Amino acid sequence: MRISLEDALERAGYDVMAFETGTAAMNVLKKNCYDVAVTDFRLPDMDGFDIVRAITGLKDIPVIVMTAYGTIKDAVEAMRLGAFDYITKPFSLDEFFLLIERALEIKRLKEENIRLRKDLGRCYRAPNIIGEGPEMKKIFSLIERVSESDSTVLILGESGTGKELVATTIHYQSMRKEKPLIKVNCAALPEGLIESELFGYEKGAFTGALKRKPGRFELADGGTIFLDEIGDLPLFTQAKILRVIQERQFERIGGTATLTVDVRIIAATNKNLEKEVKAGLFREDMYYRLNVIPICIPPLRERKGDIPNLIEFFMEKYRSRLSKAAGFSKEAAHALLSYDYPGNVRELENIIERCVTLAADGVIAKDELPVSVVGGQQAARSALLCDVATEAERCHILKVLKITQGNKTRAAEMLGISRKTLWEKLSAYEIG
């Protein structure tokens, strides 16, 4: 049978190594890698239990056990010890090849899963959040420490600063990284559907509830739930989420059974929750439950030293994605570096994507930038010139008043304006 199967596998295009004894097979297996192991349950020097233990203890490869009908019970026990499957003799080659292909597919999927998890881990390390200033370095350090715990985290910052990226990084650096990360944009949920989305519902709970649906908290069990824009939640929903935070328990809509979940909560908002609490728009107890570990992300205008690296990062991203060799002219680069980015990192990325997408040749000129970038720069210069002119006029009036020893009528004459106009300017400049 060994020789027959070896010939059949080789004819099918497989590379095969065949051995008469378990010892001979294990000696070779220690030095080489294989995709599938096929073994009889009865060998001259080993039984099925020994060979399954030896192979699975040495390499992570699927083991298929061949057995006679009378030893199926032993084959099942071998599977409990780690064998992939068994096949009962006599069997057809079609049946055998089907089992081989299934074992190979399972191995391929496991290897792909391991590779993707490694890639995911690389993607969500804190260094991939661009920033070199002292404030961002503090955030990197905080992310690393927070990731090791299960504490609730509140991420604060303006829209577009990267709150979701920080939350994702925390999850994939934590012990929960193998479990789900469920993201919920609280501001995007219609008020009438918030509870059903968060907590789920039972069949028949309301019109249209044709079957049971798990909520986001239930889906996140064992992992992390990210509640983005939590400051937009209505007060009645805040009370229910507060219970989940405190007790990790809730009921589906229309249900009576209390569900318990093991879930880490990360929340984010661009609102000042302390002001929202004082205004009665956010529950005080909810705020203190969320604000266990706050992470405040500064706006881009307060860390302009990071803009060059961000520009290069997004340029490389979209040059690669769009297969374009685009770059900015000196004037365009200067305008990008001077802009305040009210939309923060998200706005900068959108600008880069637009410029690279629409670039006709290798150089992106200043006039190809969005009007907001160029116009904003011109407006800033105009405002600066206006401030300089205003201050110059104020100093000139003070100088003339000093010459006239405070006589406003004579000062107005020297300035060439009416006394009424002088009084208005004195009031505007707060000159006594």
Protein backbone atom coordinates (compact mmCIF):
# COMPACT_ATOMS: atom_id res chain seq x y z
CA MET A 1 0.00 0.00 0.00
CA ARG A 2 2.86 2.38 0.81
CA ILE A 3 4.39 1.87 -2.64
CA SER A 4 1.02 2.18 -4.39
CA LEU A 5 0.13 5.45 -2.64
CA GLU A 6 3.62 6.84 -3.27
CA ASP A 7 3.27 6.13 -7.01
CA ALA A 8 -0.26 7.59 -7.15
CA LEU A 9 0.76 10.79 -5.35
CA GLU A 10 3.80 11.30 -7.56
CA ARG A 11 1.68 10.81 -10.69
CA ALA A 12 -0.66 13.50 -9.31
CA GLY A 13 2.28 15.92 -9.06
CA TYR A 14 3.12 15.71 -5.33
CA ASP A 15 6.66 15.43 -3.96
CA VAL A 16 6.61 12.33 -1.75
CA MET A 17 8.94 10.73 0.80
CA ALA A 18 7.95 7.23 1.90
CA PHE A 19 9.23 5.28 4.93
CA GLU A 20 8.66 1.80 6.22
CA THR A 21 9.10 2.70 9.92
CA GLY A 22 8.08 5.58 12.16
CA THR A 23 11.65 6.04 13.38
CA ALA A 24 12.95 6.55 9.84
CA ALA A 25 10.20 9.08 9.12
CA MET A 26 10.87 11.06 12.32
CA ASN A 27 14.63 11.24 11.61
CA VAL A 28 13.94 12.90 8.26
CA LEU A 29 11.10 15.07 9.59
CA LYS A 30 13.45 16.65 12.14
CA LYS A 31 15.59 18.03 9.30
CA ASN A 32 12.98 18.90 6.64
CA CYS A 33 9.57 20.56 6.28
CA TYR A 34 6.51 18.78 4.87
CA ASP A 35 2.91 19.80 4.25
CA VAL A 36 1.04 16.60 5.17
CA ALA A 37 1.91 13.36 6.97
CA VAL A 38 0.06 10.10 6.13
CA THR A 39 0.62 7.11 8.39
CA ASP A 40 -0.77 3.67 8.95
CA PHE A 41 -1.99 3.07 12.48
CA ARG A 42 0.09 -0.10 12.78
CA LEU A 43 3.84 0.26 12.13
CA PRO A 44 6.69 -2.18 12.77
CA ASP A 45 8.15 0.02 15.53
CA MET A 46 5.32 2.39 16.57
CA ASP A 47 1.57 2.48 16.93
CA GLY A 48 -0.72 5.28 15.79
CA PHE A 49 -0.72 7.08 19.13
CA ASP A 50 3.08 7.23 19.25
CA ILE A 51 3.48 8.52 15.70
CA VAL A 52 0.75 11.18 16.08
CA ARG A 53 2.32 12.42 19.31
CA ALA A 54 5.79 12.45 17.75
CA ILE A 55 4.79 14.33 14.58
CA THR A 56 2.45 16.90 16.18
CA GLY A 57 4.98 17.51 18.93
CA LEU A 58 7.69 18.27 16.40
CA LYS A 59 5.94 20.09 13.53
CA ASP A 60 2.63 21.86 12.94
CA ILE A 61 1.49 19.72 10.01
CA PRO A 62 -1.78 17.80 9.52
CA VAL A 63 -1.53 14.06 10.16
CA ILE A 64 -3.85 11.62 8.36
CA VAL A 65 -4.16 8.18 9.96
CA MET A 66 -4.98 5.08 7.87
CA THR A 67 -6.78 2.40 9.83
CA ALA A 68 -8.74 -0.85 9.42
CA TYR A 69 -12.43 -0.82 10.26
CA GLY A 70 -11.85 -2.61 13.55
CA THR A 71 -9.56 0.15 14.91
CA ILE A 72 -11.73 3.20 14.16
CA LYS A 73 -12.05 3.82 17.88
CA ASP A 74 -8.26 4.08 18.11
CA ALA A 75 -8.18 6.45 15.12
CA VAL A 76 -10.70 8.73 16.81
CA GLU A 77 -8.50 8.75 19.89
CA ALA A 78 -5.54 9.67 17.66
CA MET A 79 -7.53 12.66 16.40
CA ARG A 80 -8.06 13.73 19.99
CA LEU A 81 -4.27 13.68 20.34
CA GLY A 82 -3.86 15.98 17.34
CA ALA A 83 -4.37 13.96 14.14
CA PHE A 84 -6.15 15.90 11.37
CA ASP A 85 -8.40 13.01 10.19
CA TYR A 86 -8.48 9.30 9.49
CA ILE A 87 -9.38 7.10 6.51
CA THR A 88 -10.65 3.53 6.74
CA LYS A 89 -9.10 0.78 4.63
CA PRO A 90 -9.95 -0.20 1.98
CA PHE A 91 -10.48 3.23 0.35
CA SER A 92 -10.55 4.64 -3.17
CA LEU A 93 -7.84 6.95 -4.49
CA ASP A 94 -10.48 9.66 -5.07
CA GLU A 95 -11.41 9.53 -1.41
CA PHE A 96 -7.74 9.62 -0.43
CA PHE A 97 -6.87 12.58 -2.69
CA LEU A 98 -9.90 14.51 -1.43
CA LEU A 99 -8.64 14.13 2.13
CA ILE A 100 -5.10 15.17 1.11
CA GLU A 101 -6.43 18.31 -0.63
CA ARG A 102 -8.54 19.21 2.39
CA ALA A 103 -5.53 18.83 4.71
CA LEU A 104 -3.43 21.02 2.42
CA GLU A 105 -6.14 23.69 2.27
CA ILE A 106 -6.46 23.77 6.07
CA LYS A 107 -2.67 24.12 6.39
CA ARG A 108 -2.64 26.89 3.80
CA LEU A 109 -5.41 28.77 5.62
CA LYS A 110 -3.61 28.46 8.95
CA GLU A 111 -0.38 29.78 7.45
CA GLU A 112 -2.26 32.63 5.74
CA ASN A 113 -3.95 33.49 9.03
CA ILE A 114 -0.60 33.58 10.84
CA ARG A 115 0.87 35.79 8.09
CA LEU A 116 -2.09 38.19 8.18
CA ARG A 117 -1.89 38.47 11.95
CA LYS A 118 1.81 39.30 11.72
CA ASP A 119 1.07 41.92 9.05
CA LEU A 120 -1.73 43.32 11.18
CA GLY A 121 0.59 43.53 14.15
CA ARG A 122 3.12 45.46 12.07
CA CYS A 123 0.41 47.79 10.75
CA TYR A 124 -0.85 48.72 14.18
CA ARG A 125 2.26 49.47 16.13
CA ALA A 126 2.38 52.93 17.67
CA PRO A 127 5.39 54.05 15.52
CA ASN A 128 3.07 53.97 12.48
CA ILE A 129 1.23 56.94 13.98
CA ILE A 130 3.34 59.73 12.49
CA GLY A 131 4.76 62.13 15.05
CA GLU A 132 8.15 63.13 16.42
CA GLY A 133 7.36 65.99 18.81
CA PRO A 134 7.36 65.64 22.62
CA GLU A 135 3.55 65.54 22.83
CA MET A 136 3.28 62.65 20.34
CA LYS A 137 6.10 60.75 22.04
CA LYS A 138 4.14 60.96 25.29
CA ILE A 139 1.11 59.55 23.45
CA PHE A 140 3.20 56.66 22.03
CA SER A 141 4.44 55.83 25.51
CA LEU A 142 0.91 56.02 26.93
CA ILE A 143 -0.46 53.75 24.17
CA GLU A 144 2.13 51.08 25.00
CA ARG A 145 1.31 51.15 28.71
CA VAL A 146 -2.45 51.29 28.18
CA SER A 147 -2.36 48.36 25.73
CA GLU A 148 -1.13 46.07 28.50
CA SER A 149 -4.23 46.68 30.63
CA ASP A 150 -7.98 46.29 30.26
CA SER A 151 -8.78 49.79 31.54
CA THR A 152 -11.36 51.96 29.82
CA VAL A 153 -9.76 54.61 27.60
CA LEU A 154 -11.18 57.99 26.55
CA ILE A 155 -9.52 59.49 23.46
CA LEU A 156 -10.00 63.24 23.08
CA GLY A 157 -9.20 65.41 20.09
CA GLU A 158 -10.58 67.38 17.19
CA SER A 159 -12.07 65.63 14.17
CA GLY A 160 -9.42 64.15 11.89
CA THR A 161 -6.63 63.93 14.48
CA GLY A 162 -6.45 60.12 14.35
CA LYS A 163 -8.54 59.00 17.33
CA GLU A 164 -9.70 55.85 15.54
CA LEU A 165 -6.12 54.93 14.61
CA VAL A 166 -5.07 55.25 18.26
CA ALA A 167 -7.98 53.03 19.35
CA THR A 168 -7.11 50.43 16.71
CA THR A 169 -3.45 50.47 17.75
CA ILE A 170 -4.35 49.94 21.40
CA HIS A 171 -6.50 46.92 20.50
CA TYR A 172 -3.94 45.23 18.25
CA GLN A 173 -1.17 45.73 20.80
CA SER A 174 -3.28 44.26 23.61
CA MET A 175 -3.89 40.70 24.78
CA ARG A 176 -7.30 40.93 23.04
CA LYS A 177 -5.81 41.30 19.55
CA GLU A 178 -6.97 37.79 18.55
CA LYS A 179 -10.57 38.77 19.36
CA PRO A 180 -12.92 41.19 17.54
CA LEU A 181 -12.54 44.96 17.39
CA ILE A 182 -16.04 46.35 16.86
CA LYS A 183 -16.25 50.02 15.85
CA VAL A 184 -19.39 52.08 16.39
CA ASN A 185 -19.87 55.67 15.19
CA CYS A 186 -22.42 56.88 17.74
CA ALA A 187 -23.12 60.07 15.78
CA ALA A 188 -24.06 58.08 12.65
CA LEU A 189 -26.67 55.86 14.35
CA PRO A 190 -30.29 57.07 14.00
CA GLU A 191 -31.76 57.75 17.44
CA GLY A 192 -34.45 55.10 17.02
CA LEU A 193 -31.91 52.39 16.16
CA ILE A 194 -29.13 53.10 18.65
CA GLU A 195 -30.24 50.60 21.28
CA SER A 196 -30.98 47.79 18.83
CA GLU A 197 -27.55 48.29 17.21
CA LEU A 198 -25.69 48.32 20.52
CA PHE A 199 -27.62 45.66 22.44
CA GLY A 200 -29.35 43.61 19.75
CA TYR A 201 -32.94 42.37 19.77
CA GLU A 202 -35.06 39.24 19.95
CA LYS A 203 -37.31 37.94 17.21
CA GLY A 204 -40.64 39.78 17.34
CA ALA A 205 -39.32 42.58 19.58
CA PHE A 206 -40.78 45.13 17.16
CA THR A 207 -42.19 45.32 13.65
CA GLY A 208 -39.59 44.03 11.22
CA ALA A 209 -37.65 42.01 13.84
CA LEU A 210 -37.99 38.76 11.92
CA LYS A 211 -35.13 37.00 13.70
CA ARG A 212 -32.80 37.48 16.64
CA LYS A 213 -29.94 39.90 16.00
CA PRO A 214 -26.85 40.23 18.24
CA GLY A 215 -25.79 43.78 19.16
CA ARG A 216 -22.36 45.35 18.87
CA PHE A 217 -21.50 44.64 22.53
CA GLU A 218 -22.32 40.98 22.03
CA LEU A 219 -20.24 40.81 18.84
CA ALA A 220 -17.28 42.36 20.69
CA ASP A 221 -17.31 39.71 23.45
CA GLY A 222 -13.73 38.85 24.36
CA GLY A 223 -12.40 41.79 22.36
CA THR A 224 -12.78 45.57 22.22
CA ILE A 225 -15.63 47.92 21.37
CA PHE A 226 -14.71 51.40 20.10
CA LEU A 227 -17.46 53.96 20.71
CA ASP A 228 -16.54 56.87 18.46
CA GLU A 229 -18.22 60.28 18.94
CA ILE A 230 -19.68 59.10 22.25
CA GLY A 231 -20.50 62.70 23.15
CA ASP A 232 -23.38 62.52 20.64
CA LEU A 233 -25.22 59.72 22.46
CA PRO A 234 -28.63 60.67 23.90
CA LEU A 235 -28.92 60.62 27.70
CA PHE A 236 -31.25 57.61 27.86
CA THR A 237 -28.73 55.49 25.91
CA GLN A 238 -25.88 56.71 28.10
CA ALA A 239 -27.64 55.21 31.13
CA LYS A 240 -27.77 51.78 29.48
CA ILE A 241 -24.15 51.89 28.36
CA LEU A 242 -23.16 52.95 31.88
CA ARG A 243 -24.55 49.64 33.15
CA VAL A 244 -22.48 47.71 30.60
CA ILE A 245 -19.36 49.63 31.66
CA GLN A 246 -20.00 48.93 35.34
CA GLU A 247 -21.43 45.40 35.28
CA ARG A 248 -20.67 44.10 31.76
CA GLN A 249 -24.33 43.07 31.52
CA PHE A 250 -27.34 43.99 29.35
CA GLU A 251 -30.51 42.57 27.79
CA ARG A 252 -31.44 42.43 24.15
CA ILE A 253 -34.48 44.51 23.18
CA GLY A 254 -37.55 42.36 23.72
CA GLY A 255 -35.57 39.81 25.74
CA THR A 256 -35.58 38.85 29.40
CA ALA A 257 -32.27 36.98 29.63
CA THR A 258 -29.36 38.99 31.02
CA LEU A 259 -26.24 38.64 28.88
CA THR A 260 -22.75 39.03 30.30
CA VAL A 261 -19.86 40.10 28.08
CA ASP A 262 -16.12 40.39 28.54
CA VAL A 263 -15.35 43.50 26.53
CA ARG A 264 -12.90 46.38 26.75
CA ILE A 265 -14.36 49.82 26.07
CA ILE A 266 -12.49 52.56 24.22
CA ALA A 267 -14.43 55.77 23.62
CA ALA A 268 -13.60 58.91 21.65
CA THR A 269 -15.08 62.35 21.17
CA ASN A 270 -14.25 65.74 19.72
CA LYS A 271 -16.43 67.45 22.35
CA ASN A 272 -15.43 68.92 25.69
CA LEU A 273 -17.27 66.43 27.91
CA GLU A 274 -16.74 68.52 31.05
CA LYS A 275 -18.68 71.37 29.42
CA GLU A 276 -21.29 68.88 28.17
CA VAL A 277 -21.73 67.62 31.74
CA LYS A 278 -22.21 71.17 33.07
CA ALA A 279 -24.73 71.85 30.31
CA GLY A 280 -26.67 68.71 31.26
CA LEU A 281 -26.02 67.05 27.90
CA PHE A 282 -23.76 64.27 29.21
CA ARG A 283 -24.09 62.18 32.36
CA GLU A 284 -21.51 63.02 35.01
CA ASP A 285 -21.25 59.40 36.21
CA MET A 286 -20.79 58.24 32.62
CA TYR A 287 -18.00 60.78 32.11
CA TYR A 288 -16.06 59.59 35.15
CA ARG A 289 -16.51 55.93 34.16
CA LEU A 290 -15.10 56.64 30.70
CA ASN A 291 -12.34 58.99 31.77
CA VAL A 292 -10.21 56.32 33.47
CA ILE A 293 -7.25 56.83 31.13
CA PRO A 294 -7.60 59.93 28.92
CA ILE A 295 -5.46 60.33 25.80
CA CYS A 296 -5.52 63.84 24.32
CA ILE A 297 -4.38 64.08 20.70
CA PRO A 298 -3.17 67.58 19.75
CA PRO A 299 -4.45 69.18 16.52
CA LEU A 300 -2.07 69.28 13.57
CA ARG A 301 -1.63 73.05 13.80
CA GLU A 302 0.00 72.51 17.22
CA ARG A 303 2.52 69.99 15.86
CA LYS A 304 3.53 71.46 12.53
CA GLY A 305 6.90 69.76 12.77
CA ASP A 306 5.11 66.50 11.89
CA ILE A 307 3.61 67.86 8.65
CA PRO A 308 6.65 67.10 6.40
CA ASN A 309 6.71 63.45 7.51
CA LEU A 310 2.94 63.14 7.10
CA ILE A 311 3.13 64.61 3.59
CA GLU A 312 5.84 62.13 2.62
CA PHE A 313 3.94 59.22 4.20
CA PHE A 314 0.72 59.99 2.29
CA MET A 315 2.60 60.81 -0.93
CA GLU A 316 4.25 57.39 -0.85
CA LYS A 317 0.90 55.75 -0.09
CA TYR A 318 -0.94 57.30 -3.05
CA ARG A 319 2.00 57.22 -5.46
CA SER A 320 2.12 53.48 -4.90
CA ARG A 321 -1.64 52.99 -5.05
CA LEU A 322 -2.09 55.10 -8.20
CA SER A 323 1.25 54.16 -9.82
CA LYS A 324 2.25 57.80 -10.27
CA ALA A 325 5.62 59.50 -9.78
CA ALA A 326 4.23 62.83 -8.55
CA GLY A 327 5.93 65.48 -6.40
CA PHE A 328 5.28 69.04 -5.22
CA SER A 329 6.95 72.20 -6.49
CA LYS A 330 8.76 74.36 -3.91
CA GLU A 331 5.89 76.87 -3.88
CA ALA A 332 3.29 74.14 -3.41
CA ALA A 333 5.31 72.48 -0.65
CA HIS A 334 5.68 75.82 1.14
CA ALA A 335 1.92 76.40 0.95
CA LEU A 336 1.24 72.93 2.39
CA LEU A 337 3.66 73.51 5.23
CA SER A 338 2.16 76.91 6.03
CA TYR A 339 -1.49 75.78 6.11
CA ASP A 340 -3.22 75.24 9.49
CA TYR A 341 -5.35 72.19 8.51
CA PRO A 342 -8.60 72.76 10.42
CA GLY A 343 -9.53 69.21 9.36
CA ASN A 344 -6.24 67.90 10.80
CA VAL A 345 -4.53 64.75 9.50
CA ARG A 346 -7.64 63.58 7.63
CA GLU A 347 -7.73 66.85 5.66
CA LEU A 348 -4.02 66.58 4.85
CA GLU A 349 -4.46 63.02 3.57
CA ASN A 350 -7.45 64.04 1.43
CA ILE A 351 -5.43 66.91 -0.07
CA ILE A 352 -2.52 64.59 -0.93
CA GLU A 353 -4.84 61.98 -2.47
CA ARG A 354 -6.56 64.64 -4.58
CA CYS A 355 -3.28 66.17 -5.78
CA VAL A 356 -1.69 62.84 -6.72
CA THR A 357 -4.87 61.64 -8.44
CA LEU A 358 -5.23 64.80 -10.55
CA ALA A 359 -1.54 65.33 -11.23
CA ALA A 360 -1.01 65.60 -15.00
CA ASP A 361 2.76 65.25 -14.87
CA GLY A 362 5.53 64.71 -12.32
CA VAL A 363 5.31 68.10 -10.57
CA ILE A 364 2.26 69.41 -8.67
CA ALA A 365 2.21 73.22 -8.87
CA LYS A 366 0.87 75.60 -6.24
CA ASP A 367 -2.17 76.51 -8.35
CA GLU A 368 -3.17 72.81 -8.36
CA LEU A 369 -3.66 72.87 -4.59
CA PRO A 370 -7.18 73.29 -3.16
CA VAL A 371 -8.35 76.91 -2.85
CA SER A 372 -8.64 76.45 0.92
CA VAL A 373 -4.88 75.87 1.20
CA VAL A 374 -3.73 78.75 -1.03
CA GLY A 375 -6.57 81.07 -0.01
CA GLY A 376 -6.01 80.36 3.65
CA GLN A 377 -2.38 81.32 3.32
CA GLN A 378 -3.22 84.59 1.57
CA ALA A 379 -5.89 85.37 4.17
CA ALA A 380 -3.37 84.82 6.94
CA ARG A 381 -0.93 87.24 5.28
CA SER A 382 -3.70 89.81 4.82
CA ALA A 383 -4.69 89.52 8.48
CA LEU A 384 -1.07 89.97 9.52
CA LEU A 385 -0.68 93.09 7.36
CA CYS A 386 -3.92 94.47 8.81
CA ASP A 387 -2.63 93.94 12.35
CA VAL A 388 0.65 95.67 11.52
CA ALA A 389 -1.16 98.68 10.00
CA THR A 390 -3.50 98.93 13.00
CA GLU A 391 -0.64 98.88 15.48
CA ALA A 392 1.26 101.50 13.43
CA GLU A 393 -1.76 103.84 13.46
CA ARG A 394 -2.20 103.40 17.21
CA CYS A 395 1.46 104.25 17.87
CA HIS A 396 1.24 107.32 15.59
CA ILE A 397 -1.83 108.65 17.47
CA LEU A 398 -0.07 108.19 20.82
CA LYS A 399 2.99 110.03 19.48
CA VAL A 400 0.87 112.99 18.28
CA LEU A 401 -1.02 113.13 21.60
CA LYS A 402 2.32 113.29 23.37
CA ILE A 403 3.39 116.23 21.17
CA THR A 404 0.12 118.10 21.85
CA GLN A 405 0.33 117.19 25.55
CA GLY A 406 -3.03 115.45 25.35
CA ASN A 407 -4.87 118.20 23.50
CA LYS A 408 -7.23 116.19 21.31
CA THR A 409 -8.42 119.11 19.16
CA ARG A 410 -4.84 119.99 18.14
CA ALA A 411 -4.03 116.28 17.71
CA ALA A 412 -7.00 115.86 15.31
CA GLU A 413 -5.78 118.84 13.29
CA MET A 414 -2.24 117.42 13.07
CA LEU A 415 -3.62 114.01 12.03
CA GLY A 416 -5.86 115.57 9.40
CA ILE A 417 -9.06 114.01 10.76
CA SER A 418 -12.13 115.32 12.53
CA ARG A 419 -12.32 115.42 16.32
CA LYS A 420 -15.21 112.88 16.17
CA THR A 421 -13.10 110.43 14.15
CA LEU A 422 -10.23 110.83 16.62
CA TRP A 423 -12.59 110.06 19.53
CA GLU A 424 -13.77 106.88 17.72
CA LYS A 425 -10.18 105.73 17.15
CA LEU A 426 -9.20 106.48 20.75
CA SER A 427 -12.15 104.37 21.90
CA ALA A 428 -11.32 101.53 19.52
CA TYR A 429 -7.65 101.48 20.58
CA GLU A 430 -8.61 101.88 24.26
CA ILE A 431 -6.52 105.03 24.62
CA GLY A 432 -7.57 107.10 27.63
